[in-house]
Amino acid sequence: MNDVSRMTPSALRQRRRGDGFTLLEVLVALTIVVLGMAAVWSGSSQATINASRLQKKTFANWIAMNRLAELRLERTWPQVGRSDGDIEFANTEWRWFANVTQTQVEDMRRVEIAVALAEKPDEQIINLVGFISQPANSVVAVTPWAGAAVNPGDTLPGENPGATPGQGGNGAGNAPGNRPRNRGNQGRNRGNRQ
């Protein structure tokens, strides 16, 4: 015969209770799962917000550094005062603000550049400070390094005093042993190495 037919009614009730989960146990389990999923969702959304904020700060820093480089490369001395401008960068409209002030050093100016989104110009994302020296008024002739020669008429090490101009310092010219180092497209191309 069957085991169930021999059980008393109270034994049957106890067995039925052990066959599954109660409604309360299911609700507690679901609550734990929901809380875990909420924690994961919160963490991933915070990571997304942080990545977006970091990207904005990086772009704003690049814009500020580019503006400072432009000011340094200009031929004119930047005037003391404030200026601003708009720029499109990374498919976003940005606004930069520059404040040029005089320093205690006569030929030096302090430049503070702030960058913000164009739609929120009051919320600065980055603030960069740099210094610009006054550009030279005339072209400076570049004098090659003279090595140990101090007095006019002294010869440099490896220099041949009897060499004709255009032959190089040792008078050897372009002899087979003195090939120019820049070979163009000959040989292996190693980028900017010469």
N, C-alpha and C. Protein backbone atom coordinates (compact mmCIF):
# COMPACT_ATOMS: atom_id res chain seq x y z
N MET A 1 0.82 -1.19 0.00
CA MET A 1 0.00 0.00 0.00
C MET A 1 0.85 1.23 0.00
N ASN A 2 0.21 2.20 -0.12
CA ASN A 2 0.76 3.53 -0.26
C ASN A 2 1.03 4.14 1.11
N ASP A 3 2.15 4.91 1.24
CA ASP A 3 2.53 5.53 2.52
C ASP A 3 1.55 6.60 2.96
N VAL A 4 0.96 7.29 2.02
CA VAL A 4 0.05 8.38 2.35
C VAL A 4 -1.21 7.85 3.01
N SER A 5 -1.69 6.68 2.62
CA SER A 5 -2.92 6.12 3.20
C SER A 5 -2.73 5.74 4.66
N ARG A 6 -1.56 5.47 5.09
CA ARG A 6 -1.31 5.09 6.48
C ARG A 6 -1.12 6.29 7.40
N MET A 7 -0.94 7.52 6.86
CA MET A 7 -0.67 8.69 7.68
C MET A 7 -1.93 9.19 8.35
N THR A 8 -1.74 9.73 9.50
CA THR A 8 -2.86 10.34 10.22
C THR A 8 -3.12 11.72 9.65
N PRO A 9 -4.28 12.30 9.91
CA PRO A 9 -4.59 13.63 9.37
C PRO A 9 -3.59 14.70 9.83
N SER A 10 -3.09 14.67 11.04
CA SER A 10 -2.14 15.69 11.49
C SER A 10 -0.79 15.52 10.78
N ALA A 11 -0.41 14.30 10.48
CA ALA A 11 0.84 14.06 9.76
C ALA A 11 0.72 14.55 8.33
N LEU A 12 -0.45 14.40 7.72
CA LEU A 12 -0.66 14.91 6.37
C LEU A 12 -0.54 16.43 6.33
N ARG A 13 -1.11 17.12 7.35
CA ARG A 13 -1.02 18.58 7.38
C ARG A 13 0.43 19.03 7.52
N GLN A 14 1.22 18.35 8.33
CA GLN A 14 2.61 18.73 8.50
C GLN A 14 3.40 18.48 7.20
N ARG A 15 3.07 17.42 6.52
CA ARG A 15 3.77 17.14 5.28
C ARG A 15 3.43 18.18 4.22
N ARG A 16 2.18 18.60 4.13
CA ARG A 16 1.78 19.60 3.14
C ARG A 16 2.46 20.94 3.41
N ARG A 17 2.67 21.30 4.66
CA ARG A 17 3.35 22.55 4.99
C ARG A 17 4.81 22.50 4.52
N GLY A 18 5.44 21.41 4.58
CA GLY A 18 6.84 21.27 4.18
C GLY A 18 7.02 21.12 2.68
N ASP A 19 5.97 21.00 1.90
CA ASP A 19 6.08 20.80 0.46
C ASP A 19 6.45 22.06 -0.31
N GLY A 20 6.22 23.26 0.19
CA GLY A 20 6.48 24.49 -0.56
C GLY A 20 6.79 25.64 0.36
N PHE A 21 6.86 26.85 -0.24
CA PHE A 21 7.12 28.06 0.53
C PHE A 21 5.81 28.73 0.89
N THR A 22 5.81 29.37 2.01
CA THR A 22 4.62 30.14 2.38
C THR A 22 4.66 31.47 1.67
N LEU A 23 3.56 32.17 1.65
CA LEU A 23 3.47 33.48 1.01
C LEU A 23 4.43 34.46 1.67
N LEU A 24 4.57 34.41 2.94
CA LEU A 24 5.48 35.30 3.67
C LEU A 24 6.93 35.06 3.26
N GLU A 25 7.34 33.82 3.09
CA GLU A 25 8.71 33.52 2.68
C GLU A 25 8.98 34.03 1.27
N VAL A 26 7.99 33.91 0.39
CA VAL A 26 8.15 34.40 -0.99
C VAL A 26 8.30 35.93 -0.99
N LEU A 27 7.49 36.62 -0.17
CA LEU A 27 7.56 38.08 -0.11
C LEU A 27 8.91 38.55 0.44
N VAL A 28 9.43 37.88 1.44
CA VAL A 28 10.74 38.24 1.99
C VAL A 28 11.83 38.03 0.94
N ALA A 29 11.77 36.94 0.22
CA ALA A 29 12.76 36.67 -0.83
C ALA A 29 12.70 37.73 -1.94
N LEU A 30 11.49 38.09 -2.35
CA LEU A 30 11.35 39.12 -3.39
C LEU A 30 11.86 40.47 -2.91
N THR A 31 11.63 40.79 -1.65
CA THR A 31 12.13 42.05 -1.10
C THR A 31 13.64 42.10 -1.13
N ILE A 32 14.29 41.01 -0.79
CA ILE A 32 15.75 40.94 -0.83
C ILE A 32 16.26 41.11 -2.25
N VAL A 33 15.62 40.47 -3.22
CA VAL A 33 16.02 40.59 -4.62
C VAL A 33 15.85 42.02 -5.11
N VAL A 34 14.73 42.66 -4.78
CA VAL A 34 14.48 44.04 -5.22
C VAL A 34 15.51 44.99 -4.63
N LEU A 35 15.83 44.82 -3.35
CA LEU A 35 16.84 45.70 -2.73
C LEU A 35 18.21 45.51 -3.38
N GLY A 36 18.56 44.30 -3.71
CA GLY A 36 19.83 44.05 -4.40
C GLY A 36 19.87 44.68 -5.78
N MET A 37 18.76 44.56 -6.51
CA MET A 37 18.70 45.16 -7.85
C MET A 37 18.75 46.69 -7.77
N ALA A 38 18.12 47.27 -6.75
CA ALA A 38 18.15 48.73 -6.58
C ALA A 38 19.57 49.21 -6.30
N ALA A 39 20.33 48.45 -5.52
CA ALA A 39 21.72 48.83 -5.23
C ALA A 39 22.57 48.77 -6.50
N VAL A 40 22.38 47.74 -7.30
CA VAL A 40 23.13 47.63 -8.56
C VAL A 40 22.75 48.77 -9.50
N TRP A 41 21.47 49.08 -9.61
CA TRP A 41 21.00 50.17 -10.48
C TRP A 41 21.58 51.50 -10.04
N SER A 42 21.57 51.75 -8.74
CA SER A 42 22.10 53.01 -8.21
C SER A 42 23.60 53.12 -8.50
N GLY A 43 24.32 52.06 -8.32
CA GLY A 43 25.76 52.08 -8.60
C GLY A 43 26.07 52.33 -10.06
N SER A 44 25.33 51.69 -10.96
CA SER A 44 25.59 51.89 -12.38
C SER A 44 25.18 53.28 -12.84
N SER A 45 24.09 53.82 -12.31
CA SER A 45 23.70 55.18 -12.69
C SER A 45 24.70 56.20 -12.16
N GLN A 46 25.25 55.99 -10.97
CA GLN A 46 26.27 56.89 -10.42
C GLN A 46 27.54 56.83 -11.26
N ALA A 47 27.90 55.65 -11.73
CA ALA A 47 29.07 55.51 -12.59
C ALA A 47 28.86 56.25 -13.91
N THR A 48 27.66 56.20 -14.46
CA THR A 48 27.36 56.92 -15.69
C THR A 48 27.45 58.43 -15.48
N ILE A 49 26.92 58.92 -14.37
CA ILE A 49 26.98 60.35 -14.06
C ILE A 49 28.43 60.79 -13.90
N ASN A 50 29.24 60.00 -13.19
CA ASN A 50 30.65 60.34 -13.00
C ASN A 50 31.41 60.35 -14.31
N ALA A 51 31.12 59.40 -15.21
CA ALA A 51 31.79 59.36 -16.51
C ALA A 51 31.43 60.59 -17.33
N SER A 52 30.18 61.01 -17.30
CA SER A 52 29.75 62.20 -18.02
C SER A 52 30.43 63.45 -17.45
N ARG A 53 30.50 63.55 -16.14
CA ARG A 53 31.14 64.71 -15.50
C ARG A 53 32.63 64.74 -15.84
N LEU A 54 33.29 63.59 -15.83
CA LEU A 54 34.71 63.52 -16.16
C LEU A 54 34.95 63.91 -17.62
N GLN A 55 34.05 63.50 -18.51
CA GLN A 55 34.19 63.86 -19.92
C GLN A 55 34.07 65.37 -20.10
N LYS A 56 33.10 66.00 -19.43
CA LYS A 56 32.95 67.45 -19.52
C LYS A 56 34.18 68.17 -19.00
N LYS A 57 34.72 67.71 -17.87
CA LYS A 57 35.92 68.33 -17.30
C LYS A 57 37.12 68.18 -18.25
N THR A 58 37.25 67.03 -18.87
CA THR A 58 38.35 66.80 -19.80
C THR A 58 38.24 67.72 -21.00
N PHE A 59 37.05 67.81 -21.61
CA PHE A 59 36.85 68.69 -22.77
C PHE A 59 37.09 70.15 -22.39
N ALA A 60 36.58 70.57 -21.24
CA ALA A 60 36.76 71.95 -20.79
C ALA A 60 38.24 72.25 -20.56
N ASN A 61 38.97 71.30 -20.02
CA ASN A 61 40.41 71.49 -19.81
C ASN A 61 41.13 71.63 -21.14
N TRP A 62 40.77 70.83 -22.13
CA TRP A 62 41.39 70.94 -23.45
C TRP A 62 41.10 72.31 -24.07
N ILE A 63 39.87 72.78 -23.93
CA ILE A 63 39.52 74.09 -24.48
C ILE A 63 40.34 75.18 -23.82
N ALA A 64 40.46 75.13 -22.49
CA ALA A 64 41.23 76.14 -21.76
C ALA A 64 42.71 76.09 -22.16
N MET A 65 43.28 74.89 -22.27
CA MET A 65 44.69 74.78 -22.67
C MET A 65 44.90 75.26 -24.10
N ASN A 66 43.94 74.97 -24.99
CA ASN A 66 44.04 75.45 -26.37
C ASN A 66 44.00 76.97 -26.42
N ARG A 67 43.10 77.58 -25.64
CA ARG A 67 43.00 79.04 -25.63
C ARG A 67 44.28 79.67 -25.09
N LEU A 68 44.85 79.09 -24.05
CA LEU A 68 46.10 79.60 -23.50
C LEU A 68 47.22 79.47 -24.53
N ALA A 69 47.27 78.36 -25.25
CA ALA A 69 48.28 78.17 -26.30
C ALA A 69 48.09 79.20 -27.42
N GLU A 70 46.84 79.48 -27.78
CA GLU A 70 46.58 80.50 -28.81
C GLU A 70 47.09 81.86 -28.36
N LEU A 71 46.85 82.21 -27.10
CA LEU A 71 47.34 83.49 -26.59
C LEU A 71 48.86 83.54 -26.60
N ARG A 72 49.51 82.46 -26.28
CA ARG A 72 50.98 82.43 -26.27
C ARG A 72 51.54 82.54 -27.68
N LEU A 73 50.83 82.01 -28.67
CA LEU A 73 51.33 82.02 -30.04
C LEU A 73 51.02 83.31 -30.78
N GLU A 74 50.14 84.14 -30.26
CA GLU A 74 49.82 85.41 -30.92
C GLU A 74 51.05 86.31 -30.91
N ARG A 75 51.20 87.11 -31.94
CA ARG A 75 52.34 88.01 -32.06
C ARG A 75 52.18 89.26 -31.20
N THR A 76 50.96 89.51 -30.72
CA THR A 76 50.72 90.71 -29.92
C THR A 76 50.64 90.35 -28.45
N TRP A 77 51.02 91.27 -27.61
CA TRP A 77 50.99 91.13 -26.16
C TRP A 77 49.55 91.23 -25.71
N PRO A 78 49.00 90.26 -24.96
CA PRO A 78 47.59 90.34 -24.56
C PRO A 78 47.34 91.55 -23.64
N GLN A 79 46.27 92.27 -23.91
CA GLN A 79 45.92 93.42 -23.10
C GLN A 79 45.35 92.98 -21.76
N VAL A 80 45.64 93.77 -20.72
CA VAL A 80 45.08 93.49 -19.41
C VAL A 80 43.58 93.73 -19.48
N GLY A 81 42.80 92.78 -18.98
CA GLY A 81 41.36 92.91 -19.00
C GLY A 81 40.69 91.57 -19.23
N ARG A 82 39.38 91.62 -19.45
CA ARG A 82 38.56 90.41 -19.63
C ARG A 82 38.15 90.26 -21.09
N SER A 83 38.04 89.01 -21.50
CA SER A 83 37.51 88.69 -22.82
C SER A 83 36.79 87.36 -22.73
N ASP A 84 35.95 87.08 -23.71
CA ASP A 84 35.24 85.80 -23.73
C ASP A 84 34.94 85.43 -25.17
N GLY A 85 34.54 84.20 -25.35
CA GLY A 85 34.21 83.73 -26.68
C GLY A 85 33.49 82.40 -26.62
N ASP A 86 32.90 82.04 -27.75
CA ASP A 86 32.19 80.77 -27.88
C ASP A 86 32.97 79.86 -28.80
N ILE A 87 32.86 78.56 -28.56
CA ILE A 87 33.52 77.58 -29.40
C ILE A 87 32.68 76.32 -29.42
N GLU A 88 32.68 75.63 -30.55
CA GLU A 88 32.04 74.33 -30.63
C GLU A 88 33.14 73.28 -30.55
N PHE A 89 32.98 72.37 -29.63
CA PHE A 89 33.98 71.32 -29.43
C PHE A 89 33.25 70.05 -29.03
N ALA A 90 33.53 68.96 -29.69
CA ALA A 90 32.91 67.66 -29.42
C ALA A 90 31.39 67.74 -29.51
N ASN A 91 30.90 68.40 -30.56
CA ASN A 91 29.46 68.57 -30.82
C ASN A 91 28.72 69.25 -29.68
N THR A 92 29.42 70.12 -28.95
CA THR A 92 28.83 70.85 -27.83
C THR A 92 29.28 72.31 -27.91
N GLU A 93 28.38 73.21 -27.58
CA GLU A 93 28.71 74.63 -27.54
C GLU A 93 29.29 74.97 -26.17
N TRP A 94 30.45 75.61 -26.17
CA TRP A 94 31.15 75.98 -24.95
C TRP A 94 31.38 77.49 -24.93
N ARG A 95 31.60 78.04 -23.75
CA ARG A 95 31.95 79.45 -23.61
C ARG A 95 33.19 79.53 -22.73
N TRP A 96 34.18 80.29 -23.18
CA TRP A 96 35.39 80.50 -22.39
C TRP A 96 35.47 81.97 -21.97
N PHE A 97 36.09 82.19 -20.83
CA PHE A 97 36.28 83.53 -20.28
C PHE A 97 37.77 83.65 -19.93
N ALA A 98 38.41 84.72 -20.38
CA ALA A 98 39.83 84.95 -20.08
C ALA A 98 39.97 86.25 -19.31
N ASN A 99 40.76 86.21 -18.27
CA ASN A 99 41.06 87.40 -17.47
C ASN A 99 42.57 87.55 -17.43
N VAL A 100 43.08 88.61 -18.09
CA VAL A 100 44.52 88.86 -18.16
C VAL A 100 44.85 89.94 -17.15
N THR A 101 45.82 89.67 -16.27
CA THR A 101 46.25 90.64 -15.27
C THR A 101 47.75 90.80 -15.31
N GLN A 102 48.21 91.96 -14.88
CA GLN A 102 49.64 92.25 -14.80
C GLN A 102 50.22 91.55 -13.58
N THR A 103 51.45 91.08 -13.67
CA THR A 103 52.13 90.47 -12.54
C THR A 103 53.21 91.42 -12.03
N GLN A 104 53.89 91.03 -10.98
CA GLN A 104 54.98 91.84 -10.46
C GLN A 104 56.20 91.83 -11.38
N VAL A 105 56.27 90.83 -12.24
CA VAL A 105 57.34 90.76 -13.24
C VAL A 105 56.89 91.58 -14.44
N GLU A 106 57.72 92.53 -14.85
CA GLU A 106 57.33 93.50 -15.87
C GLU A 106 56.91 92.86 -17.20
N ASP A 107 57.65 91.87 -17.66
CA ASP A 107 57.37 91.26 -18.97
C ASP A 107 56.56 89.97 -18.86
N MET A 108 55.70 89.88 -17.86
CA MET A 108 54.92 88.66 -17.64
C MET A 108 53.47 89.03 -17.33
N ARG A 109 52.54 88.29 -17.91
CA ARG A 109 51.12 88.48 -17.63
C ARG A 109 50.53 87.16 -17.13
N ARG A 110 49.58 87.29 -16.22
CA ARG A 110 48.85 86.13 -15.68
C ARG A 110 47.54 86.02 -16.43
N VAL A 111 47.23 84.83 -16.91
CA VAL A 111 46.00 84.60 -17.66
C VAL A 111 45.20 83.52 -16.94
N GLU A 112 43.97 83.85 -16.59
CA GLU A 112 43.06 82.90 -15.97
C GLU A 112 41.94 82.62 -16.97
N ILE A 113 41.78 81.36 -17.33
CA ILE A 113 40.77 80.97 -18.32
C ILE A 113 39.77 80.04 -17.66
N ALA A 114 38.50 80.42 -17.75
CA ALA A 114 37.41 79.59 -17.22
C ALA A 114 36.58 79.10 -18.41
N VAL A 115 36.08 77.89 -18.31
CA VAL A 115 35.28 77.29 -19.39
C VAL A 115 33.98 76.77 -18.79
N ALA A 116 32.87 77.02 -19.51
CA ALA A 116 31.55 76.55 -19.09
C ALA A 116 30.78 76.13 -20.33
N LEU A 117 29.70 75.41 -20.13
CA LEU A 117 28.80 75.11 -21.24
C LEU A 117 28.11 76.40 -21.66
N ALA A 118 27.83 76.54 -22.95
CA ALA A 118 27.23 77.78 -23.45
C ALA A 118 25.84 78.01 -22.85
N GLU A 119 25.08 76.95 -22.61
CA GLU A 119 23.73 77.13 -22.06
C GLU A 119 23.75 77.41 -20.55
N LYS A 120 24.90 77.17 -19.88
CA LYS A 120 25.03 77.45 -18.45
C LYS A 120 26.34 78.19 -18.19
N PRO A 121 26.47 79.43 -18.67
CA PRO A 121 27.76 80.12 -18.54
C PRO A 121 28.14 80.47 -17.11
N ASP A 122 27.20 80.46 -16.18
CA ASP A 122 27.52 80.78 -14.79
C ASP A 122 28.10 79.59 -14.04
N GLU A 123 27.99 78.40 -14.58
CA GLU A 123 28.50 77.19 -13.93
C GLU A 123 29.83 76.79 -14.58
N GLN A 124 30.92 77.34 -14.06
CA GLN A 124 32.23 77.04 -14.62
C GLN A 124 32.61 75.59 -14.35
N ILE A 125 33.10 74.94 -15.38
CA ILE A 125 33.50 73.54 -15.26
C ILE A 125 34.97 73.46 -14.86
N ILE A 126 35.79 74.34 -15.41
CA ILE A 126 37.22 74.30 -15.12
C ILE A 126 37.77 75.72 -15.11
N ASN A 127 38.84 75.90 -14.35
CA ASN A 127 39.52 77.17 -14.24
C ASN A 127 41.02 76.89 -14.40
N LEU A 128 41.66 77.49 -15.41
CA LEU A 128 43.07 77.23 -15.70
C LEU A 128 43.84 78.54 -15.58
N VAL A 129 45.00 78.51 -14.95
CA VAL A 129 45.84 79.69 -14.82
C VAL A 129 47.16 79.42 -15.52
N GLY A 130 47.60 80.40 -16.32
CA GLY A 130 48.87 80.30 -17.01
C GLY A 130 49.55 81.65 -17.05
N PHE A 131 50.78 81.67 -17.49
CA PHE A 131 51.56 82.90 -17.58
C PHE A 131 52.10 83.04 -18.99
N ILE A 132 52.13 84.29 -19.47
CA ILE A 132 52.60 84.58 -20.82
C ILE A 132 53.67 85.65 -20.72
N SER A 133 54.81 85.39 -21.35
CA SER A 133 55.88 86.39 -21.37
C SER A 133 55.72 87.25 -22.61
N GLN A 134 56.26 88.46 -22.54
CA GLN A 134 56.13 89.40 -23.64
C GLN A 134 56.93 88.89 -24.83
N PRO A 135 56.33 88.88 -26.02
CA PRO A 135 57.07 88.40 -27.20
C PRO A 135 58.15 89.40 -27.58
N ALA A 136 59.21 88.89 -28.20
CA ALA A 136 60.30 89.75 -28.65
C ALA A 136 59.81 90.62 -29.80
N ASN A 137 60.28 91.88 -29.84
CA ASN A 137 59.86 92.81 -30.89
C ASN A 137 60.55 92.55 -32.20
N SER A 138 61.74 92.01 -32.18
CA SER A 138 62.46 91.78 -33.42
C SER A 138 62.80 90.31 -33.55
N VAL A 139 63.17 89.93 -34.75
CA VAL A 139 63.55 88.55 -35.00
C VAL A 139 64.94 88.34 -34.41
N VAL A 140 65.09 87.32 -33.64
CA VAL A 140 66.36 87.01 -33.02
C VAL A 140 67.10 86.03 -33.91
N ALA A 141 68.34 86.38 -34.26
CA ALA A 141 69.15 85.47 -35.06
C ALA A 141 69.60 84.33 -34.16
N VAL A 142 69.41 83.13 -34.64
CA VAL A 142 69.81 81.96 -33.87
C VAL A 142 71.28 81.70 -34.15
N THR A 143 72.06 81.69 -33.10
CA THR A 143 73.48 81.42 -33.23
C THR A 143 73.73 79.99 -32.80
N PRO A 144 74.38 79.20 -33.66
CA PRO A 144 74.63 77.82 -33.26
C PRO A 144 75.57 77.76 -32.06
N TRP A 145 75.48 76.70 -31.34
CA TRP A 145 76.32 76.52 -30.17
C TRP A 145 77.78 76.54 -30.58
N ALA A 146 78.58 77.30 -29.86
CA ALA A 146 79.98 77.47 -30.25
C ALA A 146 80.90 76.51 -29.52
N GLY A 147 80.37 75.67 -28.69
CA GLY A 147 81.22 74.71 -28.00
C GLY A 147 82.23 75.40 -27.12
N ALA A 148 83.51 75.03 -27.25
CA ALA A 148 84.56 75.58 -26.39
C ALA A 148 85.16 76.86 -26.95
N ALA A 149 84.80 77.26 -28.17
CA ALA A 149 85.39 78.47 -28.76
C ALA A 149 84.87 79.69 -28.02
N VAL A 150 85.79 80.51 -27.53
CA VAL A 150 85.43 81.69 -26.78
C VAL A 150 85.89 82.93 -27.51
N ASN A 151 87.07 82.90 -28.03
CA ASN A 151 87.64 84.07 -28.69
C ASN A 151 87.49 83.95 -30.19
N PRO A 152 87.34 85.11 -30.89
CA PRO A 152 87.30 85.04 -32.35
C PRO A 152 88.60 84.43 -32.87
N GLY A 153 88.49 83.61 -33.85
CA GLY A 153 89.66 82.98 -34.43
C GLY A 153 89.95 81.62 -33.85
N ASP A 154 89.39 81.30 -32.67
CA ASP A 154 89.59 79.96 -32.11
C ASP A 154 88.86 78.95 -32.98
N THR A 155 89.39 77.78 -33.11
CA THR A 155 88.74 76.73 -33.88
C THR A 155 88.03 75.78 -32.94
N LEU A 156 86.95 75.24 -33.43
CA LEU A 156 86.18 74.27 -32.66
C LEU A 156 86.77 72.89 -32.84
N PRO A 157 86.57 71.99 -31.88
CA PRO A 157 87.06 70.61 -32.05
C PRO A 157 86.45 69.99 -33.31
N GLY A 158 87.30 69.41 -34.15
CA GLY A 158 86.85 68.75 -35.37
C GLY A 158 86.67 69.72 -36.53
N GLU A 159 86.97 71.00 -36.32
CA GLU A 159 86.79 71.98 -37.39
C GLU A 159 88.11 72.12 -38.15
N ASN A 160 88.01 72.18 -39.46
CA ASN A 160 89.18 72.35 -40.31
C ASN A 160 89.24 73.81 -40.73
N PRO A 161 90.22 74.58 -40.26
CA PRO A 161 90.26 76.00 -40.59
C PRO A 161 90.41 76.26 -42.08
N GLY A 162 90.90 75.32 -42.86
CA GLY A 162 91.08 75.53 -44.28
C GLY A 162 89.90 75.07 -45.12
N ALA A 163 88.82 74.66 -44.51
CA ALA A 163 87.67 74.14 -45.27
C ALA A 163 86.99 75.26 -46.02
N THR A 164 86.52 74.93 -47.20
CA THR A 164 85.76 75.92 -47.97
C THR A 164 84.31 75.88 -47.52
N PRO A 165 83.59 77.01 -47.56
CA PRO A 165 82.20 77.03 -47.13
C PRO A 165 81.37 76.03 -47.92
N GLY A 166 80.43 75.42 -47.23
CA GLY A 166 79.54 74.45 -47.86
C GLY A 166 80.03 73.04 -47.75
N GLN A 167 81.28 72.86 -47.29
CA GLN A 167 81.81 71.51 -47.17
C GLN A 167 81.62 70.95 -45.78
N GLY A 168 81.10 71.70 -44.89
CA GLY A 168 80.92 71.20 -43.53
C GLY A 168 82.11 71.60 -42.69
N GLY A 169 82.04 71.34 -41.42
CA GLY A 169 83.05 71.78 -40.48
C GLY A 169 84.38 71.08 -40.64
N ASN A 170 84.41 69.88 -41.20
CA ASN A 170 85.68 69.16 -41.28
C ASN A 170 86.24 69.14 -42.70
N GLY A 171 85.60 69.86 -43.61
CA GLY A 171 86.11 69.94 -44.98
C GLY A 171 85.87 68.68 -45.77
N ALA A 172 85.16 67.71 -45.24
CA ALA A 172 84.98 66.44 -45.93
C ALA A 172 83.81 66.47 -46.90
N GLY A 173 82.89 67.45 -46.79
CA GLY A 173 81.76 67.51 -47.69
C GLY A 173 80.89 66.29 -47.55
N ASN A 174 80.39 65.80 -48.67
CA ASN A 174 79.54 64.62 -48.66
C ASN A 174 80.32 63.41 -49.15
N ALA A 175 81.44 63.19 -48.56
CA ALA A 175 82.24 62.02 -48.91
C ALA A 175 81.46 60.77 -48.54
N PRO A 176 81.83 59.63 -49.11
CA PRO A 176 81.07 58.40 -48.84
C PRO A 176 80.91 58.10 -47.35
N GLY A 177 81.89 58.44 -46.53
CA GLY A 177 81.76 58.16 -45.11
C GLY A 177 80.91 59.19 -44.36
N ASN A 178 80.55 60.29 -45.03
CA ASN A 178 79.80 61.38 -44.38
C ASN A 178 78.46 61.61 -45.06
N ARG A 179 77.64 60.61 -45.09
CA ARG A 179 76.32 60.76 -45.69
C ARG A 179 75.41 61.55 -44.76
N PRO A 180 74.52 62.32 -45.35
CA PRO A 180 73.56 63.02 -44.48
C PRO A 180 72.69 62.01 -43.74
N ARG A 181 72.30 62.36 -42.53
CA ARG A 181 71.52 61.42 -41.71
C ARG A 181 70.08 61.32 -42.18
N ASN A 182 69.52 62.35 -42.77
CA ASN A 182 68.13 62.33 -43.22
C ASN A 182 68.08 61.65 -44.57
N ARG A 183 67.60 60.46 -44.63
CA ARG A 183 67.60 59.67 -45.87
C ARG A 183 66.27 59.70 -46.60
N GLY A 184 65.31 60.51 -46.15
CA GLY A 184 64.02 60.56 -46.82
C GLY A 184 63.29 59.24 -46.70
N ASN A 185 62.88 58.68 -47.83
CA ASN A 185 62.12 57.43 -47.82
C ASN A 185 63.01 56.21 -48.00
N GLN A 186 64.33 56.39 -47.96
CA GLN A 186 65.22 55.25 -48.12
C GLN A 186 65.33 54.49 -46.82
N GLY A 187 65.55 53.23 -46.90
CA GLY A 187 65.75 52.44 -45.70
C GLY A 187 64.46 52.29 -44.91
N ARG A 188 64.61 52.00 -43.63
CA ARG A 188 63.46 51.82 -42.77
C ARG A 188 62.90 53.15 -42.34
N ASN A 189 61.59 53.28 -42.36
CA ASN A 189 60.93 54.49 -41.90
C ASN A 189 60.63 54.34 -40.42
N ARG A 190 61.21 55.16 -39.59
CA ARG A 190 61.02 55.07 -38.14
C ARG A 190 60.42 56.36 -37.60
N GLY A 191 59.42 56.88 -38.26
CA GLY A 191 58.75 58.06 -37.76
C GLY A 191 59.63 59.28 -37.87
N ASN A 192 59.76 60.02 -36.77
CA ASN A 192 60.52 61.27 -36.77
C ASN A 192 61.99 61.08 -36.45
N ARG A 193 62.44 59.86 -36.27
CA ARG A 193 63.84 59.61 -35.98
C ARG A 193 64.70 59.97 -37.17
N GLN A 194 65.85 60.49 -36.88
CA GLN A 194 66.76 60.80 -37.98
C GLN A 194 68.09 60.16 -37.74
